[in-house]
Protein backbone atom coordinates (compact mmCIF):
# COMPACT_ATOMS: atom_id res chain seq x y z
CA MET A 1 0.00 0.00 0.00
CA LEU A 2 2.92 2.34 0.65
CA LYS A 3 4.05 2.01 -2.97
CA LEU A 4 0.50 2.72 -4.17
CA TRP A 5 0.38 5.96 -2.15
CA LEU A 6 3.84 6.95 -3.39
CA VAL A 7 2.66 6.58 -6.99
CA ALA A 8 -0.51 8.58 -6.22
CA GLN A 9 1.51 11.32 -4.50
CA TYR A 10 3.94 11.57 -7.41
CA GLU A 11 1.11 11.72 -9.94
CA TYR A 12 -0.69 14.40 -7.94
CA LYS A 13 2.35 16.66 -7.58
CA ARG A 14 3.33 16.17 -11.22
CA ASN A 15 -0.07 17.36 -12.48
CA VAL A 16 -0.72 20.10 -9.93
CA LEU A 17 2.53 21.86 -10.74
CA LYS A 18 1.78 21.99 -14.48
CA LYS A 19 0.80 25.28 -16.13
CA SER A 20 -2.22 23.54 -17.66
CA PHE A 21 -3.55 22.84 -14.14
CA ILE A 22 -3.23 26.51 -13.18
CA TRP A 23 -5.07 27.54 -16.33
CA ALA A 24 -7.80 24.95 -15.69
CA LEU A 25 -8.07 26.15 -12.10
CA LEU A 26 -8.60 29.75 -13.17
CA SER A 27 -10.51 29.21 -16.41
CA VAL A 28 -13.93 28.22 -15.07
CA PRO A 29 -14.16 30.91 -12.32
CA LEU A 30 -12.94 33.59 -14.74
CA LEU A 31 -15.35 32.42 -17.45
CA MET A 32 -18.31 32.40 -15.06
CA ALA A 33 -17.32 35.80 -13.69
CA LEU A 34 -17.15 37.13 -17.24
CA ILE A 35 -20.54 35.66 -18.19
CA PHE A 36 -22.36 36.87 -15.07
CA GLY A 37 -20.53 40.19 -15.12
CA LEU A 38 -21.49 40.90 -18.72
CA GLY A 39 -25.05 39.76 -18.06
CA PHE A 40 -25.35 42.05 -15.05
CA LEU A 41 -23.77 44.95 -16.91
CA ILE A 42 -26.07 44.52 -19.89
CA SER A 43 -29.14 44.30 -17.64
CA ARG A 44 -28.10 47.47 -15.83
CA LEU A 45 -27.49 49.32 -19.09
CA GLN A 46 -30.85 48.20 -20.47
CA ARG A 47 -32.75 49.05 -17.28
CA ASP A 48 -35.05 52.04 -17.64
CA ASP A 49 -35.78 53.73 -14.31
CA ARG A 50 -37.98 56.47 -15.77
CA PRO A 51 -41.53 56.68 -14.33
CA VAL A 52 -44.66 55.19 -15.82
CA GLY A 53 -47.64 57.51 -16.11
CA TYR A 54 -51.39 57.00 -16.26
CA VAL A 55 -54.51 58.91 -17.21
CA ASP A 56 -57.52 57.73 -15.20
CA HIS A 57 -60.82 58.49 -16.97
CA ALA A 58 -62.60 55.91 -14.81
CA GLY A 59 -61.83 57.61 -11.50
CA LEU A 60 -60.43 54.41 -10.00
CA LEU A 61 -57.18 55.97 -8.89
CA ALA A 62 -58.39 59.22 -7.34
CA ASN A 63 -56.82 58.23 -4.00
CA PRO A 64 -54.33 55.55 -5.03
CA VAL A 65 -52.87 53.00 -2.63
CA SER A 66 -49.25 52.00 -3.12
CA SER A 67 -48.63 48.39 -4.09
CA SER A 68 -46.24 46.11 -2.21
CA SER A 69 -43.78 46.40 -5.11
CA ASP A 70 -43.63 50.18 -4.63
CA ALA A 71 -40.28 50.09 -2.82
CA ALA A 72 -37.48 52.64 -2.84
CA ASN A 73 -35.88 51.10 -5.94
CA ALA A 74 -39.18 50.54 -7.76
CA ILE A 75 -40.15 52.45 -10.88
CA PRO A 76 -42.28 55.52 -9.95
CA ILE A 77 -45.90 55.66 -11.10
CA ILE A 78 -47.25 59.17 -11.61
CA PRO A 79 -50.73 60.48 -12.62
CA PHE A 80 -51.61 62.89 -15.44
CA SER A 81 -54.81 64.86 -15.79
CA THR A 82 -55.04 64.64 -19.57
CA GLU A 83 -53.54 62.63 -22.37
CA ALA A 84 -51.98 65.82 -23.75
CA GLU A 85 -49.92 66.26 -20.59
CA ALA A 86 -48.86 62.61 -20.72
CA ASP A 87 -47.91 62.93 -24.40
CA GLN A 88 -45.81 65.99 -23.63
CA ALA A 89 -43.96 64.14 -20.85
CA LEU A 90 -43.45 61.14 -23.12
CA GLU A 91 -42.00 63.24 -25.95
CA ALA A 92 -39.69 65.00 -23.49
CA GLY A 93 -38.40 61.63 -22.27
CA GLU A 94 -39.62 62.21 -18.73
CA ILE A 95 -41.61 58.94 -18.72
CA GLN A 96 -41.14 55.70 -20.65
CA ALA A 97 -44.86 55.07 -21.23
CA TYR A 98 -48.33 55.85 -19.91
CA TYR A 99 -51.62 54.00 -19.51
CA VAL A 100 -55.04 55.38 -20.39
CA LEU A 101 -57.91 53.81 -18.41
CA ALA A 102 -61.25 54.04 -20.24
CA ALA A 103 -64.24 55.63 -18.50
CA ASP A 104 -66.03 52.24 -18.45
CA TYR A 105 -62.96 50.36 -17.23
CA ARG A 106 -64.82 48.63 -14.39
CA ARG A 107 -67.16 47.03 -16.89
CA THR A 108 -64.90 46.49 -19.92
CA SER A 109 -61.36 46.44 -18.40
CA HIS A 110 -60.32 48.49 -21.42
CA ALA A 111 -56.97 50.29 -21.16
CA GLU A 112 -54.38 51.57 -23.63
CA LEU A 113 -50.60 51.62 -23.30
CA VAL A 114 -48.91 54.49 -25.14
CA TYR A 115 -45.14 54.56 -25.73
CA SER A 116 -42.45 55.57 -28.21
CA GLU A 117 -40.23 52.59 -27.36
CA GLU A 118 -41.59 49.49 -25.69
CA PRO A 119 -41.30 49.88 -21.91
CA SER A 120 -39.47 47.43 -19.72
CA SER A 121 -41.31 44.41 -18.36
CA ALA A 122 -40.58 45.64 -14.83
CA ALA A 123 -42.49 48.85 -15.55
CA THR A 124 -45.59 47.14 -16.94
CA THR A 125 -45.58 44.52 -14.17
CA GLN A 126 -45.40 47.15 -11.44
CA PHE A 127 -48.25 49.15 -12.92
CA GLN A 128 -50.42 46.02 -13.18
CA ASP A 129 -49.72 45.28 -9.50
CA PHE A 130 -50.50 48.89 -8.65
CA LEU A 131 -53.82 48.75 -10.53
CA ARG A 132 -54.78 45.37 -9.04
CA VAL A 133 -54.24 46.61 -5.49
CA ASN A 134 -56.41 49.68 -6.06
CA LEU A 135 -59.24 47.71 -7.67
CA VAL A 136 -59.74 45.77 -4.43
CA ALA A 137 -58.87 48.60 -2.04
CA ASP A 138 -62.48 48.72 -0.73
CA GLN A 139 -62.43 45.04 0.21
CA PRO A 140 -61.37 43.60 3.61
CA ARG A 141 -57.61 43.62 4.07
CA GLU A 142 -57.03 39.87 3.75
CA ILE A 143 -59.22 39.58 0.66
CA ALA A 144 -57.48 42.54 -0.93
CA ARG A 145 -54.04 41.11 -0.17
CA ARG A 146 -54.96 37.71 -1.59
CA ALA A 147 -56.50 39.20 -4.73
CA ALA A 148 -53.49 41.45 -5.28
CA GLU A 149 -51.09 38.51 -5.07
CA GLY A 150 -52.71 36.82 -8.04
CA SER A 151 -52.54 33.09 -8.77
CA LYS A 152 -49.55 30.89 -8.20
CA MET A 153 -49.34 27.20 -9.04
CA ILE A 154 -47.51 24.92 -6.62
CA ALA A 155 -46.98 21.23 -7.40
CA ARG A 156 -46.13 18.78 -4.62
CA THR A 157 -44.82 15.23 -4.72
CA PRO A 158 -47.17 12.53 -3.38
CA ASP A 159 -45.16 12.29 -0.14
CA SER A 160 -45.41 16.12 0.28
CA HIS A 161 -41.66 16.30 0.91
CA ARG A 162 -40.97 18.49 -2.11
CA GLU A 163 -42.84 21.22 -3.92
CA TYR A 164 -42.30 23.11 -7.16
CA GLY A 165 -43.35 26.60 -8.17
CA ASP A 166 -43.50 28.29 -11.55
CA ALA A 167 -39.76 27.79 -12.07
CA PRO A 168 -37.07 25.65 -10.39
CA THR A 169 -35.36 27.27 -7.44
CA MET A 170 -31.61 27.42 -7.00
CA GLY A 171 -31.73 24.56 -4.51
CA GLN A 172 -33.67 22.36 -6.93
CA THR A 173 -31.26 22.97 -9.81
CA LEU A 174 -28.09 22.55 -7.74
CA PRO A 175 -27.90 18.71 -8.10
CA LEU A 176 -28.05 19.10 -11.88
CA VAL A 177 -25.34 21.77 -11.77
CA VAL A 178 -23.15 19.46 -9.66
CA ALA A 179 -23.64 16.60 -12.13
CA PHE A 180 -22.68 18.82 -15.07
CA ALA A 181 -19.68 20.15 -13.16
CA PHE A 182 -18.34 16.66 -12.51
CA ILE A 183 -18.74 15.63 -16.13
CA MET A 184 -17.08 18.82 -17.34
CA LEU A 185 -14.34 18.12 -14.82
CA ILE A 186 -13.71 14.73 -16.41
CA PHE A 187 -13.84 16.31 -19.86
CA ILE A 188 -11.17 18.83 -18.87
CA GLY A 189 -9.08 16.26 -16.99
CA SER A 190 -9.35 13.47 -19.58
CA GLY A 191 -5.94 14.38 -20.97
CA SER A 192 -4.31 13.91 -17.56
CA LEU A 193 -5.99 10.53 -17.14
CA MET A 194 -4.55 9.26 -20.41
CA ASP A 195 -1.16 10.93 -20.02
CA ALA A 196 -0.74 9.10 -16.70
CA VAL A 197 0.30 6.02 -18.69
CA ILE A 198 1.22 7.34 -22.14
CA GLU A 199 4.16 9.39 -20.86
CA GLU A 200 5.57 6.38 -19.00
CA LYS A 201 5.33 4.29 -22.16
CA GLU A 202 6.84 6.96 -24.40
CA SER A 203 9.77 7.52 -22.02
CA ARG A 204 10.19 3.74 -21.67
CA THR A 205 10.22 3.82 -17.90
CA VAL A 206 7.11 1.71 -17.41
CA GLU A 207 9.04 -1.56 -17.34
CA ILE A 208 11.30 -0.17 -14.61
CA LEU A 209 8.24 0.63 -12.53
CA ALA A 210 6.81 -2.80 -13.20
CA THR A 211 9.82 -4.43 -11.53
CA SER A 212 9.06 -2.72 -8.20
CA ILE A 213 5.24 -2.60 -8.10
CA SER A 214 2.45 -4.68 -9.58
CA THR A 215 0.61 -3.32 -12.60
CA ASN A 216 -2.70 -3.24 -10.70
CA LYS A 217 -1.22 -1.16 -7.86
CA LEU A 218 0.63 1.06 -10.33
CA MET A 219 -2.56 1.76 -12.25
CA ALA A 220 -4.58 2.24 -9.05
CA GLY A 221 -1.99 4.71 -7.72
CA LYS A 222 -1.95 6.71 -10.94
CA LEU A 223 -5.74 6.72 -11.08
CA LEU A 224 -5.96 7.84 -7.45
CA GLY A 225 -3.47 10.66 -8.02
CA VAL A 226 -5.24 12.02 -11.10
CA VAL A 227 -8.65 11.74 -9.41
CA ALA A 228 -7.25 13.77 -6.49
CA VAL A 229 -6.11 16.43 -8.97
CA ASN A 230 -9.59 16.66 -10.48
CA LEU A 231 -11.20 16.81 -7.05
CA THR A 232 -8.84 19.65 -6.15
CA LEU A 233 -10.13 21.52 -9.18
CA PHE A 234 -13.72 20.79 -8.21
CA VAL A 235 -13.27 22.02 -4.62
CA ALA A 236 -11.55 25.19 -5.83
CA TRP A 237 -14.34 25.87 -8.32
CA ALA A 238 -16.98 25.19 -5.66
CA ILE A 239 -15.41 27.74 -3.31
CA VAL A 240 -15.21 30.42 -6.01
CA ILE A 241 -18.76 29.74 -7.25
CA THR A 242 -20.11 29.85 -3.68
CA LEU A 243 -18.50 33.25 -3.19
CA GLY A 244 -20.01 34.39 -6.48
CA VAL A 245 -23.48 33.23 -5.40
CA LEU A 246 -23.14 35.08 -2.09
CA ILE A 247 -22.10 38.25 -3.92
CA ALA A 248 -25.04 37.93 -6.31
CA ALA A 249 -27.47 37.31 -3.44
CA VAL A 250 -26.25 39.84 -0.89
CA ALA A 251 -24.41 42.59 -2.77
CA LEU A 252 -26.37 42.58 -6.03
CA GLY A 253 -29.70 41.52 -4.52
CA ILE A 254 -30.59 39.00 -7.26
CA GLU A 255 -33.66 37.20 -5.91
CA TRP A 256 -33.04 33.81 -7.55
CA PHE A 257 -29.69 33.46 -5.79
CA GLN A 258 -31.25 34.37 -2.45
CA ASN A 259 -33.11 31.05 -2.25
CA MET A 260 -30.26 29.11 -0.66
CA GLN A 261 -32.41 26.27 0.65
CA LEU A 262 -30.59 23.09 -0.36
CA GLU A 263 -32.26 19.74 -0.90
CA ALA A 264 -30.08 17.21 0.86
CA GLN A 265 -31.96 14.30 -0.71
CA GLY A 266 -31.23 15.47 -4.25
CA LEU A 267 -27.56 16.16 -3.53
CA LEU A 268 -27.16 12.75 -1.87
CA LEU A 269 -28.80 11.06 -4.86
CA VAL A 270 -26.41 12.72 -7.30
CA ALA A 271 -23.39 12.04 -5.07
CA VAL A 272 -24.00 8.29 -4.72
CA VAL A 273 -24.47 7.95 -8.48
CA LEU A 274 -21.61 10.25 -9.47
CA ALA A 275 -18.96 8.57 -7.32
CA PRO A 276 -18.88 5.17 -9.10
CA ALA A 277 -19.60 6.84 -12.46
CA TYR A 278 -16.56 9.07 -11.99
CA VAL A 279 -14.35 6.06 -11.15
CA LEU A 280 -15.75 4.18 -14.15
CA LEU A 281 -14.98 6.88 -16.70
CA SER A 282 -11.60 7.66 -15.12
CA ALA A 283 -10.60 3.99 -15.29
CA LEU A 284 -11.75 3.71 -18.92
CA LEU A 285 -9.79 6.80 -19.95
CA THR A 286 -6.73 5.45 -18.17
CA THR A 287 -7.24 2.17 -20.04
CA VAL A 288 -7.24 4.10 -23.30
CA GLY A 289 -3.91 5.64 -22.32
CA ALA A 290 -2.53 2.15 -21.67
CA ILE A 291 -3.50 0.67 -25.03
CA VAL A 292 -2.67 3.51 -27.46
CA ALA A 293 0.75 4.37 -28.80
CA GLU A 294 0.37 8.18 -28.99
CA ALA A 295 -1.50 10.84 -27.02
CA GLN A 296 -3.34 12.16 -30.10
CA GLU A 297 -4.76 8.72 -30.81
CA GLY A 298 -5.89 8.45 -27.18
CA GLN A 299 -7.86 11.70 -27.43
CA GLN A 300 -9.74 10.37 -30.45
CA MET A 301 -10.57 7.07 -28.71
CA SER A 302 -11.67 8.71 -25.46
CA ALA A 303 -14.18 11.10 -27.07
CA PRO A 304 -17.01 8.50 -27.41
CA PHE A 305 -16.81 7.61 -23.71
CA VAL A 306 -17.20 11.26 -22.69
CA LEU A 307 -19.99 11.93 -25.20
CA LEU A 308 -22.04 9.02 -23.84
CA PHE A 309 -22.44 10.92 -20.56
CA PHE A 310 -24.09 13.84 -22.41
CA ILE A 311 -26.84 11.76 -24.07
CA PRO A 312 -29.48 12.79 -21.47
CA THR A 313 -29.05 16.45 -22.44
CA TRP A 314 -30.19 15.60 -25.98
CA LEU A 315 -33.23 13.78 -24.57
CA ALA A 316 -34.02 16.31 -21.84
CA VAL A 317 -37.50 17.18 -23.15
CA PRO A 318 -38.93 13.62 -23.20
CA LEU A 319 -37.18 12.87 -19.91
CA LEU A 320 -38.75 15.85 -18.15
CA ASN A 321 -42.17 15.20 -19.72
CA ASP A 322 -42.19 11.59 -18.50
CA PRO A 323 -39.62 11.33 -15.68
CA ASN A 324 -40.80 7.86 -14.60
CA GLY A 325 -41.29 6.38 -18.05
CA PRO A 326 -39.39 3.55 -19.74
CA LEU A 327 -36.87 5.91 -21.36
CA ALA A 328 -36.01 7.57 -18.04
CA THR A 329 -35.77 4.23 -16.24
CA GLY A 330 -33.56 2.71 -18.94
CA LEU A 331 -31.17 5.67 -19.03
CA SER A 332 -31.01 5.66 -15.22
CA LEU A 333 -29.79 2.06 -15.25
CA PHE A 334 -27.32 2.50 -18.11
CA PRO A 335 -23.94 3.33 -16.49
CA PHE A 336 -22.88 6.15 -18.81
CA THR A 337 -26.19 8.04 -18.83
CA ALA A 338 -27.18 7.45 -15.18
CA PRO A 339 -25.63 10.61 -13.60
CA LEU A 340 -27.30 13.27 -15.74
CA THR A 341 -30.54 11.29 -16.07
CA MET A 342 -30.87 10.99 -12.30
CA ALA A 343 -30.11 14.70 -11.89
CA LEU A 344 -32.73 15.68 -14.48
CA ARG A 345 -35.38 13.41 -12.98
CA ASN A 346 -34.61 14.69 -9.50
CA MET A 347 -35.71 18.18 -10.58
CA VAL A 348 -39.29 17.12 -11.31
CA THR A 349 -39.97 13.91 -9.38
CA VAL A 350 -38.79 11.57 -6.65
CA VAL A 351 -36.73 8.77 -8.16
CA PRO A 352 -37.78 5.35 -6.76
CA LEU A 353 -35.29 3.97 -4.26
CA TRP A 354 -34.96 0.64 -6.06
CA GLN A 355 -33.83 2.41 -9.22
CA VAL A 356 -31.21 4.38 -7.30
CA ALA A 357 -29.92 1.19 -5.63
CA ALA A 358 -29.87 -0.72 -8.92
CA SER A 359 -28.08 2.11 -10.71
CA VAL A 360 -25.42 2.39 -8.00
CA ALA A 361 -24.92 -1.39 -7.98
CA ILE A 362 -24.48 -1.52 -11.77
CA LEU A 363 -22.13 1.47 -11.75
CA THR A 364 -20.04 0.01 -8.94
CA ALA A 365 -19.69 -3.32 -10.72
CA CYS A 366 -18.72 -1.56 -13.95
CA ALA A 367 -16.23 0.68 -12.10
CA VAL A 368 -14.50 -2.32 -10.46
CA SER A 369 -14.37 -4.10 -13.83
CA ALA A 370 -12.94 -1.00 -15.50
CA MET A 371 -10.20 -0.74 -12.88
CA TRP A 372 -9.30 -4.38 -13.46
CA LEU A 373 -9.33 -3.72 -17.20
CA ALA A 374 -6.97 -0.75 -16.77
CA GLY A 375 -4.47 -2.90 -14.89
CA ARG A 376 -4.68 -5.62 -17.54
CA ALA A 377 -4.20 -3.09 -20.33
CA LEU A 378 -1.08 -1.75 -18.67
CA ARG A 379 0.31 -5.25 -18.16
CA LEU A 380 -0.29 -6.36 -21.76
CA GLY A 381 0.68 -3.12 -23.51
CA MET A 382 3.51 -1.68 -21.44
CA LEU A 383 6.28 -3.08 -23.67
CA ARG A 384 4.57 -2.41 -27.01
CA TYR A 385 6.41 0.77 -27.94
CA GLY A 386 4.91 2.46 -31.00
CA LYS A 387 2.18 -0.18 -31.32
CA ARG A 388 -1.34 0.01 -29.94
CA LEU A 389 -3.16 -2.77 -28.14
CA ASN A 390 -6.48 -3.99 -29.55
CA TRP A 391 -9.56 -4.00 -27.34
CA GLY A 392 -10.14 -7.65 -28.19
CA GLU A 393 -6.79 -8.62 -26.70
CA LEU A 394 -7.89 -7.32 -23.30
CA PHE A 395 -10.63 -9.92 -23.07
CA ARG A 396 -8.80 -12.73 -24.85
CA PRO A 397 -7.29 -15.38 -22.53
CA GLN A 398 -3.51 -15.13 -22.58
CA PRO A 399 -1.44 -18.30 -22.95
CA ILE A 400 0.49 -19.38 -19.86
CA ARG A 401 4.14 -19.54 -20.67
CA GLY A 402 6.53 -21.52 -18.52
CA GLY A 403 10.14 -22.70 -18.65
CA ARG A 404 12.58 -25.00 -17.04
CA HIS A 405 15.71 -23.84 -15.29
CA GLU A 406 18.71 -26.14 -15.32
């Protein structure tokens, strides 16, 4: 075991000190900061804080009551006596639009929106809230509050443990984000997984290592070291993203990020499925590095394995429409598609426990087999310099060769 840990430690230090690791460490946080920063900047530049006006021919707003959305940072709503005054303010750029309520508004609900450029959705939404509150201002307080809130659909699972609103919350989408992050992590670190063996073969030092440690322990140590490198990346990204979420929630006041309620059940589901799936793909990519002769060839052979994990994204619509159907069940039990399928299903339903257990059992068996396959590939192909090993040879029984010493 000491030799295994020495190999893992060497592999970890060798990859962490590379420039490519530093770039990978900084790339995702910088990219996300750029995306969110540009999005926030564009939204701020496009925001129109000018007031919205109204002309009330129906007399509904003679003594208006402020709506709950009428906060300090809300868009002001101002009255005009005549449409001529409102037109003059609109042409001068003092308001972004104005509403005209017909005299028979109570009976017909007829109103006109006048603007030069289409007003922001925030402006129209706030005026609608403002009008709704004043239409029920003569009703008892509780009735008025309930009417002003409007309708909101909430769906609950049969066990009442989870509920869903109009759109997924941050906590509900987090398991899916974690699943995507792990798969992207493997995609970025696939080169390191293959190079763990290819460089030893190209430098012709693999046979020296084989004289001091078994091929299975050598492969397990290399796999453990590279996995530790990828987990280091994941932890670093998680810390930076968490800080970004806190900044968006507290400093920028973005409401979606303020819902920090995490669903432990969903995260646990994704974790138990991702762990063996991660070992499976890592072992397969390391196997590819053991059987190919050049790094470029290994990248071509590893692409199909990585792409298999993204199949659920192409079938997301039918999966979400029927999360407990045959397609969803089949993809949940197939090792390569299980992680993302489980994460997608978890957003809209409760995955049956037997399917989770069966998926984990299948993934674990495949992961153990892949690790054995990686050790066998290293043993059979370590002395084949410049020549690749066929997949069929990995499963073909090898003849037992013996000799007699005199």
